[in-house]
C-alpha atoms as a PDB file:
ATOM      1  CA  MET A   1     -14.596  14.758 -19.820  1.00  0.00           C
ATOM      2  CA  GLY A   2     -11.749  17.188 -19.189  1.00  0.00           C
ATOM      3  CA  LYS A   3     -12.443  17.240 -15.446  1.00  0.00           C
ATOM      4  CA  LEU A   4     -12.328  13.451 -15.277  1.00  0.00           C
ATOM      5  CA  PHE A   5      -9.020  13.391 -17.151  1.00  0.00           C
ATOM      6  CA  LYS A   6      -7.540  16.003 -14.792  1.00  0.00           C
ATOM      7  CA  LEU A   7      -8.766  14.030 -11.777  1.00  0.00           C
ATOM      8  CA  LEU A   8      -7.148  10.822 -13.063  1.00  0.00           C
ATOM      9  CA  ILE A   9      -3.854  12.598 -13.715  1.00  0.00           C
ATOM     10  CA  PHE A  10      -3.994  14.171 -10.253  1.00  0.00           C
ATOM     11  CA  LEU A  11      -4.674  10.798  -8.592  1.00  0.00           C
ATOM     12  CA  ALA A  12      -1.840   9.170 -10.553  1.00  0.00           C
ATOM     13  CA  ILE A  13       0.597  11.874  -9.420  1.00  0.00           C
ATOM     14  CA  ILE A  14      -0.535  11.637  -5.793  1.00  0.00           C
ATOM     15  CA  GLY A  15      -0.238   7.834  -5.953  1.00  0.00           C
ATOM     16  CA  PHE A  16       3.271   8.052  -7.397  1.00  0.00           C
ATOM     17  CA  ILE A  17       4.366  10.515  -4.712  1.00  0.00           C
ATOM     18  CA  GLY A  18       2.869   8.244  -2.034  1.00  0.00           C
ATOM     19  CA  LEU A  19       4.655   5.192  -3.400  1.00  0.00           C
ATOM     20  CA  VAL A  20       8.008   6.971  -3.547  1.00  0.00           C
ATOM     21  CA  GLY A  21       7.475   8.350  -0.041  1.00  0.00           C
ATOM     22  CA  TYR A  22       6.662   4.875   1.283  1.00  0.00           C
ATOM     23  CA  ALA A  23       9.802   3.473  -0.339  1.00  0.00           C
ATOM     24  CA  TYR A  24      11.969   6.090   1.395  1.00  0.00           C
ATOM     25  CA  VAL A  25      10.222   6.160   4.786  1.00  0.00           C
ATOM     26  CA  GLY A  26       9.308   2.460   5.025  1.00  0.00           C
ATOM     27  CA  PRO A  27      12.649   1.238   6.459  1.00  0.00           C
ATOM     28  CA  PHE A  28      12.259   3.649   9.401  1.00  0.00           C
ATOM     29  CA  PHE A  29       9.048   1.813  10.341  1.00  0.00           C
ATOM     30  CA  GLY A  30      10.513  -1.698  10.097  1.00  0.00           C
ATOM     31  CA  VAL A  31       9.582  -2.508   6.507  1.00  0.00           C
ATOM     32  CA  ASP A  32      12.379  -4.388   4.742  1.00  0.00           C
ATOM     33  CA  PHE A  33      12.392  -4.180   0.941  1.00  0.00           C
ATOM     34  CA  SER A  34      15.575  -6.148   0.327  1.00  0.00           C
ATOM     35  CA  PRO A  35      15.190  -9.533  -1.367  1.00  0.00           C
ATOM     36  CA  GLU A  36      16.219 -12.764   0.317  1.00  0.00           C
ATOM     37  CA  GLN A  37      19.756 -13.695  -0.587  1.00  0.00           C
ATOM     38  CA  THR A  38      20.524 -17.337  -1.292  1.00  0.00           C
ATOM     39  CA  GLU A  39      23.671 -18.911  -2.633  1.00  0.00           C
ATOM     40  CA  THR A  40      23.236 -20.937  -5.799  1.00  0.00           C
ATOM     41  CA  ARG A  41      25.907 -23.282  -7.108  1.00  0.00           C
ATOM     42  CA  GLN A  42      25.763 -24.913 -10.529  1.00  0.00           C
ATOM     43  CA  PRO A  43      28.379 -27.254 -11.928  1.00  0.00           C
ATOM     44  CA  VAL A  44      29.886 -26.145 -15.225  1.00  0.00           C
ATOM     45  CA  THR A  45      31.556 -28.533 -17.650  1.00  0.00           C
ATOM     46  CA  LEU A  46      34.235 -26.909 -19.802  1.00  0.00           C
ATOM     47  CA  THR A  47      35.321 -28.729 -22.923  1.00  0.00           C
ATOM     48  CA  ALA A  48      38.349 -27.863 -25.017  1.00  0.00           C
ATOM     49  CA  ASP A  49      38.432 -29.016 -28.617  1.00  0.00           C
END
């Protein structure tokens, strides 16, 4: 049971390192992580009592 737990922790750490590495190196390979930007306008009614 201890070996399985160590293996899962090891795989989680390797997965985290891989994800962080992909986030940093991805833009060099043409991967764009920025969200689409759209302008949103909403009318606001202000009332003074």
